[in-house]
């Protein structure tokens, strides 16, 4: 057989990539949460609607990060298996 797949090695690689994805996404989430605080303080100090809007954009990014973490955790697939 020309194509030989090492299933155990592939599972290990997927686990490493998933851990790396979680780490990157948690860093992104923390960065956006901190950014909201900084942008909120700057918007109030400068009385800037633009800075406040940029801070609200960070809320959207936080929502996106939570969806990515949810997808990486595999709860959607587990729920789909149970319902099928």
C-alpha atoms as a PDB file:
ATOM      1  CA  UNK A   1       0.000   0.000   0.000  1.00  0.00           C
ATOM      2  CA  UNK A   2       1.441   3.351  -1.016  1.00  0.00           C
ATOM      3  CA  UNK A   3      -0.389   5.477   1.537  1.00  0.00           C
ATOM      4  CA  UNK A   4       0.209   4.274   5.056  1.00  0.00           C
ATOM      5  CA  UNK A   5      -1.456   6.266   7.808  1.00  0.00           C
ATOM      6  CA  UNK A   6      -0.308   6.006  11.384  1.00  0.00           C
ATOM      7  CA  UNK A   7      -3.575   6.487  13.232  1.00  0.00           C
ATOM      8  CA  UNK A   8      -1.991   6.824  16.681  1.00  0.00           C
ATOM      9  CA  UNK A   9       0.472   9.416  15.393  1.00  0.00           C
ATOM     10  CA  UNK A  10      -2.298  11.315  13.656  1.00  0.00           C
ATOM     11  CA  UNK A  11      -4.405  11.391  16.846  1.00  0.00           C
ATOM     12  CA  UNK A  12      -1.417  12.690  18.765  1.00  0.00           C
ATOM     13  CA  UNK A  13      -0.839  15.412  16.210  1.00  0.00           C
ATOM     14  CA  UNK A  14      -4.489  16.450  16.350  1.00  0.00           C
ATOM     15  CA  UNK A  15      -4.287  16.640  20.149  1.00  0.00           C
ATOM     16  CA  UNK A  16      -1.173  18.838  19.967  1.00  0.00           C
ATOM     17  CA  UNK A  17      -2.788  21.127  17.412  1.00  0.00           C
ATOM     18  CA  UNK A  18      -5.979  21.341  19.472  1.00  0.00           C
ATOM     19  CA  UNK A  19      -3.997  22.299  22.608  1.00  0.00           C
ATOM     20  CA  UNK A  20      -2.134  24.933  20.587  1.00  0.00           C
ATOM     21  CA  UNK A  21      -5.449  26.262  19.262  1.00  0.00           C
ATOM     22  CA  UNK A  22      -6.866  26.500  22.784  1.00  0.00           C
ATOM     23  CA  UNK A  23      -3.763  28.339  24.004  1.00  0.00           C
ATOM     24  CA  UNK A  24      -3.854  30.839  21.150  1.00  0.00           C
ATOM     25  CA  UNK A  25      -7.560  31.421  21.557  1.00  0.00           C
ATOM     26  CA  UNK A  26      -7.298  31.970  25.317  1.00  0.00           C
ATOM     27  CA  UNK A  27      -4.518  34.510  24.710  1.00  0.00           C
ATOM     28  CA  UNK A  28      -6.723  36.237  22.140  1.00  0.00           C
ATOM     29  CA  UNK A  29      -9.643  36.236  24.552  1.00  0.00           C
ATOM     30  CA  UNK A  30      -7.536  37.718  27.354  1.00  0.00           C
ATOM     31  CA  UNK A  31      -6.123  40.358  25.027  1.00  0.00           C
ATOM     32  CA  UNK A  32      -9.609  41.433  23.940  1.00  0.00           C
ATOM     33  CA  UNK A  33     -10.917  41.545  27.513  1.00  0.00           C
ATOM     34  CA  UNK A  34      -7.980  43.714  28.568  1.00  0.00           C
ATOM     35  CA  UNK A  35      -8.514  45.847  25.480  1.00  0.00           C
ATOM     36  CA  UNK A  36     -12.096  46.584  26.469  1.00  0.00           C
ATOM     37  CA  UNK A  37     -10.907  47.935  29.817  1.00  0.00           C
ATOM     38  CA  UNK A  38      -8.210  50.103  28.265  1.00  0.00           C
ATOM     39  CA  UNK A  39     -10.461  51.347  25.468  1.00  0.00           C
ATOM     40  CA  UNK A  40     -13.305  52.028  27.875  1.00  0.00           C
ATOM     41  CA  UNK A  41     -11.073  54.131  30.108  1.00  0.00           C
ATOM     42  CA  UNK A  42      -9.595  55.941  27.099  1.00  0.00           C
ATOM     43  CA  UNK A  43     -13.048  56.585  25.616  1.00  0.00           C
ATOM     44  CA  UNK A  44     -14.310  58.097  28.858  1.00  0.00           C
ATOM     45  CA  UNK A  45     -11.163  60.177  29.371  1.00  0.00           C
ATOM     46  CA  UNK A  46     -11.189  61.490  25.805  1.00  0.00           C
ATOM     47  CA  UNK A  47     -14.985  61.601  25.512  1.00  0.00           C
ATOM     48  CA  UNK A  48     -14.577  59.789  22.222  1.00  0.00           C
ATOM     49  CA  UNK A  49     -17.420  57.918  20.584  1.00  0.00           C
ATOM     50  CA  UNK A  50     -14.942  56.373  18.123  1.00  0.00           C
ATOM     51  CA  UNK A  51     -12.933  54.779  20.943  1.00  0.00           C
ATOM     52  CA  UNK A  52     -16.131  53.515  22.539  1.00  0.00           C
ATOM     53  CA  UNK A  53     -17.154  51.978  19.214  1.00  0.00           C
ATOM     54  CA  UNK A  54     -13.781  50.328  18.884  1.00  0.00           C
ATOM     55  CA  UNK A  55     -14.274  48.907  22.378  1.00  0.00           C
ATOM     56  CA  UNK A  56     -17.649  47.505  21.337  1.00  0.00           C
ATOM     57  CA  UNK A  57     -15.898  45.846  18.420  1.00  0.00           C
ATOM     58  CA  UNK A  58     -13.798  44.011  20.994  1.00  0.00           C
ATOM     59  CA  UNK A  59     -17.029  42.581  22.420  1.00  0.00           C
ATOM     60  CA  UNK A  60     -17.741  41.064  19.024  1.00  0.00           C
ATOM     61  CA  UNK A  61     -14.235  39.602  18.993  1.00  0.00           C
ATOM     62  CA  UNK A  62     -14.836  38.106  22.449  1.00  0.00           C
ATOM     63  CA  UNK A  63     -18.000  36.476  21.138  1.00  0.00           C
ATOM     64  CA  UNK A  64     -16.081  35.059  18.198  1.00  0.00           C
ATOM     65  CA  UNK A  65     -13.370  33.729  20.520  1.00  0.00           C
ATOM     66  CA  UNK A  66     -15.911  31.952  22.693  1.00  0.00           C
ATOM     67  CA  UNK A  67     -17.391  30.299  19.594  1.00  0.00           C
ATOM     68  CA  UNK A  68     -13.925  29.108  18.519  1.00  0.00           C
ATOM     69  CA  UNK A  69     -13.261  27.706  22.012  1.00  0.00           C
ATOM     70  CA  UNK A  70     -16.658  25.982  21.909  1.00  0.00           C
ATOM     71  CA  UNK A  71     -15.856  24.466  18.508  1.00  0.00           C
ATOM     72  CA  UNK A  72     -12.421  23.289  19.662  1.00  0.00           C
ATOM     73  CA  UNK A  73     -13.888  21.676  22.764  1.00  0.00           C
ATOM     74  CA  UNK A  74     -16.004  19.376  20.600  1.00  0.00           C
ATOM     75  CA  UNK A  75     -19.226  19.833  22.545  1.00  0.00           C
ATOM     76  CA  UNK A  76     -21.177  20.444  19.344  1.00  0.00           C
ATOM     77  CA  UNK A  77     -20.084  17.110  17.878  1.00  0.00           C
ATOM     78  CA  UNK A  78     -20.846  15.281  21.116  1.00  0.00           C
ATOM     79  CA  UNK A  79     -24.308  16.813  21.198  1.00  0.00           C
ATOM     80  CA  UNK A  80     -24.879  15.815  17.568  1.00  0.00           C
ATOM     81  CA  UNK A  81     -23.888  12.222  18.288  1.00  0.00           C
ATOM     82  CA  UNK A  82     -26.256  12.030  21.248  1.00  0.00           C
ATOM     83  CA  UNK A  83     -29.180  13.383  19.246  1.00  0.00           C
ATOM     84  CA  UNK A  84     -28.599  11.088  16.270  1.00  0.00           C
END
